[in-house]
Amino acid sequence: MLEGELVRLRALEPEESDRIHGWVHDPDVGRWMNHSYPRSLAQLRKRAEERPVNSYELVVLGIEAKADGQLIGIIDLRDAEPEVGNAELDIYIGEAEYRGGGGYGTEALRLMCRYGFNSMRLHMITLWVVAENERARHVYRKVGFTEDGRHREAFVAMDGKRHDMILMSMLKGELRS
């Protein structure tokens, strides 16, 4: 378990699928997320029960608010390659009252990046963000990510409109407190 002042990062439990199902279908949460075909609650529960244990290649953790013990989001490091020391990060805060200004996402990012650099011995963590998602880009820059490039019209929103994606990265030693 990784712990800060506001959040605790911990393994997800299969019974938390109900909460995650609600987030996945919340338009505010899903606005800038890649979408697959709609999944039922039963499908999400089955996927959670069959989820492989966390490993070097994929670490998926729940973001829990320390104040009330409520699961508020998910963060992961995936596609980790020990040969080169790189991994890709994904994060979202599902609970509306914890989005936009409380520092929960920022602290979760710092904890996960610190874990990646120190415990996993990563050299670089990358992420992709939709260019119009300025709030997320601001948080990523604040913790030390830099913009590396743009993938034009690579994201298709739920309304069918295309948006550019920004590739951001952070090297070991660039994490800001």
Protein backbone atom coordinates (compact mmCIF):
# COMPACT_ATOMS: atom_id res chain seq x y z
CA MET A 1 0.00 0.00 0.00
CA LEU A 2 1.27 3.48 -0.92
CA GLU A 3 0.16 6.30 1.33
CA GLY A 4 0.20 10.09 1.22
CA GLU A 5 -1.62 12.77 3.22
CA LEU A 6 -4.82 12.62 1.12
CA VAL A 7 -4.85 9.25 -0.60
CA ARG A 8 -3.86 5.65 -0.24
CA LEU A 9 -3.07 3.52 -3.31
CA ARG A 10 -4.08 -0.11 -2.86
CA ALA A 11 -5.07 -3.22 -4.76
CA LEU A 12 -8.62 -3.30 -6.12
CA GLU A 13 -11.18 -5.78 -4.84
CA PRO A 14 -13.59 -7.57 -7.22
CA GLU A 15 -16.63 -6.30 -5.29
CA GLU A 16 -15.64 -2.74 -6.19
CA SER A 17 -16.79 -3.41 -9.76
CA ASP A 18 -20.18 -1.87 -8.97
CA ARG A 19 -18.60 1.51 -8.19
CA ILE A 20 -16.27 1.32 -11.20
CA HIS A 21 -19.22 0.45 -13.45
CA GLY A 22 -20.85 3.73 -12.41
CA TRP A 23 -17.72 5.71 -13.23
CA VAL A 24 -17.28 4.07 -16.63
CA HIS A 25 -20.78 5.18 -17.56
CA ASP A 26 -20.43 8.72 -16.17
CA PRO A 27 -20.03 11.11 -19.15
CA ASP A 28 -17.81 13.46 -17.12
CA VAL A 29 -15.40 10.66 -16.26
CA GLY A 30 -15.45 9.05 -19.70
CA ARG A 31 -15.23 12.25 -21.73
CA TRP A 32 -11.48 11.96 -22.39
CA MET A 33 -11.09 8.19 -22.03
CA ASN A 34 -10.65 5.67 -24.81
CA HIS A 35 -13.86 3.72 -25.14
CA SER A 36 -14.46 0.13 -25.98
CA TYR A 37 -17.84 -1.40 -26.48
CA PRO A 38 -20.23 -0.94 -23.55
CA ARG A 39 -19.79 -3.51 -20.79
CA SER A 40 -22.44 -4.73 -18.42
CA LEU A 41 -21.92 -4.86 -14.68
CA ALA A 42 -21.71 -8.65 -14.94
CA GLN A 43 -18.92 -8.33 -17.52
CA LEU A 44 -16.99 -5.90 -15.31
CA ARG A 45 -17.40 -8.19 -12.30
CA LYS A 46 -16.10 -11.16 -14.30
CA ARG A 47 -13.16 -9.14 -15.58
CA ALA A 48 -12.32 -8.05 -12.01
CA GLU A 49 -12.44 -11.63 -10.75
CA GLU A 50 -10.17 -12.78 -13.58
CA ARG A 51 -7.77 -9.82 -13.39
CA PRO A 52 -4.22 -11.10 -13.10
CA VAL A 53 -2.29 -10.24 -9.98
CA ASN A 54 -0.24 -7.07 -10.13
CA SER A 55 3.16 -7.65 -11.70
CA TYR A 56 6.03 -5.71 -13.19
CA GLU A 57 4.20 -5.50 -16.53
CA LEU A 58 0.94 -4.19 -15.04
CA VAL A 59 0.26 -2.56 -11.67
CA VAL A 60 -3.38 -1.47 -11.21
CA LEU A 61 -4.25 0.28 -7.96
CA GLY A 62 -7.32 1.90 -6.51
CA ILE A 63 -7.10 5.47 -5.26
CA GLU A 64 -8.72 5.65 -1.84
CA ALA A 65 -9.46 8.89 0.03
CA LYS A 66 -7.82 8.56 3.43
CA ALA A 67 -10.41 10.76 5.16
CA ASP A 68 -13.32 8.38 4.57
CA GLY A 69 -11.78 5.21 3.08
CA GLN A 70 -13.81 5.65 -0.11
CA LEU A 71 -12.49 4.35 -3.44
CA ILE A 72 -12.35 7.46 -5.66
CA GLY A 73 -10.34 6.43 -8.71
CA ILE A 74 -7.89 4.13 -10.44
CA ILE A 75 -4.26 4.51 -11.43
CA ASP A 76 -1.98 2.09 -13.25
CA LEU A 77 1.46 1.58 -14.68
CA ARG A 78 1.26 -0.72 -17.67
CA ASP A 79 3.34 -2.17 -20.47
CA ALA A 80 6.44 -1.91 -18.27
CA GLU A 81 9.58 -3.13 -19.99
CA PRO A 82 12.39 -4.07 -17.61
CA GLU A 83 14.93 -4.13 -20.44
CA VAL A 84 14.52 -0.40 -21.06
CA GLY A 85 12.84 0.72 -17.82
CA ASN A 86 9.76 2.35 -19.37
CA ALA A 87 6.07 2.14 -18.47
CA GLU A 88 2.86 3.97 -19.41
CA LEU A 89 0.60 5.57 -16.81
CA ASP A 90 -3.19 5.93 -16.75
CA ILE A 91 -5.28 7.66 -14.08
CA TYR A 92 -8.81 8.80 -13.48
CA ILE A 93 -10.78 10.10 -10.54
CA GLY A 94 -14.28 8.65 -10.70
CA GLU A 95 -15.97 10.32 -7.74
CA ALA A 96 -17.15 13.82 -8.71
CA GLU A 97 -16.54 15.46 -5.32
CA TYR A 98 -12.85 14.49 -5.50
CA ARG A 99 -12.21 15.92 -8.98
CA GLY A 100 -10.92 19.34 -9.83
CA GLY A 101 -8.87 21.00 -7.17
CA GLY A 102 -8.58 18.93 -4.01
CA GLY A 103 -5.13 17.55 -4.81
CA TYR A 104 -6.23 13.89 -4.79
CA GLY A 105 -5.18 13.16 -8.36
CA THR A 106 -1.95 15.10 -7.99
CA GLU A 107 -0.94 13.15 -4.89
CA ALA A 108 -1.91 9.83 -6.48
CA LEU A 109 0.29 10.66 -9.49
CA ARG A 110 3.25 11.52 -7.29
CA LEU A 111 2.87 8.33 -5.24
CA MET A 112 2.61 6.11 -8.32
CA CYS A 113 5.52 7.79 -10.11
CA ARG A 114 7.67 7.52 -6.98
CA TYR A 115 6.76 3.82 -6.80
CA GLY A 116 7.62 3.34 -10.47
CA PHE A 117 10.98 5.06 -10.21
CA ASN A 118 12.05 3.67 -6.83
CA SER A 119 10.48 0.21 -6.47
CA MET A 120 10.21 -0.77 -10.13
CA ARG A 121 13.47 0.97 -11.07
CA LEU A 122 11.90 2.64 -14.10
CA HIS A 123 13.83 5.23 -16.06
CA MET A 124 10.84 6.83 -17.83
CA ILE A 125 7.07 7.01 -17.35
CA THR A 126 4.92 8.14 -20.27
CA LEU A 127 1.25 8.98 -20.72
CA TRP A 128 -1.13 10.18 -23.40
CA VAL A 129 -3.64 12.97 -22.81
CA VAL A 130 -6.22 14.60 -25.08
CA ALA A 131 -4.95 18.05 -26.10
CA GLU A 132 -8.17 19.78 -24.97
CA ASN A 133 -7.96 18.25 -21.48
CA GLU A 134 -6.07 21.24 -20.11
CA ARG A 135 -6.89 20.48 -16.46
CA ALA A 136 -5.13 17.10 -16.71
CA ARG A 137 -2.21 18.54 -18.67
CA HIS A 138 -1.73 21.18 -15.96
CA VAL A 139 -1.55 18.51 -13.23
CA TYR A 140 0.85 16.38 -15.28
CA ARG A 141 3.17 19.36 -15.84
CA LYS A 142 2.94 20.28 -12.14
CA VAL A 143 4.31 16.87 -11.06
CA GLY A 144 7.11 16.91 -13.65
CA PHE A 145 5.82 15.54 -16.96
CA THR A 146 6.92 17.32 -20.14
CA GLU A 147 5.19 17.35 -23.50
CA ASP A 148 7.10 15.30 -26.05
CA GLY A 149 4.86 15.28 -29.09
CA ARG A 150 1.43 15.36 -30.68
CA HIS A 151 -0.49 12.57 -32.39
CA ARG A 152 -2.93 14.38 -34.65
CA GLU A 153 -6.63 13.45 -34.50
CA ALA A 154 -5.83 10.19 -32.71
CA PHE A 155 -8.65 10.35 -30.16
CA VAL A 156 -12.29 9.87 -31.13
CA ALA A 157 -14.70 11.35 -28.57
CA MET A 158 -18.10 9.88 -27.78
CA ASP A 159 -19.68 12.44 -30.12
CA GLY A 160 -17.47 11.24 -32.98
CA LYS A 161 -15.23 14.33 -33.07
CA ARG A 162 -11.50 13.76 -33.40
CA HIS A 163 -8.92 15.35 -31.11
CA ASP A 164 -5.14 15.46 -30.97
CA MET A 165 -3.35 13.44 -28.30
CA ILE A 166 -0.30 14.77 -26.46
CA LEU A 167 2.51 12.40 -25.45
CA MET A 168 4.06 13.38 -22.13
CA SER A 169 6.96 11.80 -20.25
CA MET A 170 8.93 12.06 -17.05
CA LEU A 171 12.43 10.73 -16.47
CA LYS A 172 13.74 9.47 -13.15
CA GLY A 173 14.84 12.52 -11.18
CA GLU A 174 12.25 14.87 -12.71
CA LEU A 175 9.42 14.17 -10.24
CA ARG A 176 8.42 17.40 -8.48
CA SER A 177 7.27 17.39 -4.88
